[in-house]
Amino acid sequence: MDTIFCILHDVRVDDSLKRFVFASEEDMDRFCEFISQYQRSGPGNGYGAYWIRMRDTQYLKAIPNGVERSLDPRRVESMAHSILKRRGVDITRDYTPPVAGRREGAITFDWALLDAGY
């Protein structure tokens, strides 16, 4: 079975729009939910975070040139802290960081607290 990569278009990173490649649709969906939760947490102007204006995706059997193949761990960590702070979670005690990795040259994303009901 061929690997199908998921391209997420128009992700705003500060003042630019980028395309990100994910190793699976599930990884992309978890990342989109993470961004959605961040946006709902009332974080401000979005600088220093990832933003999605409109979810535009593409499915390919190969990774094209000009796509982002990894996430900035400091940016992801900062967004996670903002989500949990807004929810009143004691980050020093109850925090499990998001896991942004790579498989077959594409992004993987998971966060145990994404669906934890915090």
Foldseek 3Di string as FASTA:
>chain_A
DFFKKKKWWQKDAAHDTAIAIARDPVQVVLVVLLQVLLVVLVPPDQHLEIHDPDTDMDIDRDDDPRHDAWDDQVSQQVSVVSSVVSVVHPCVPPDDGWDWDGDPSHIGTDDPCSPVPD
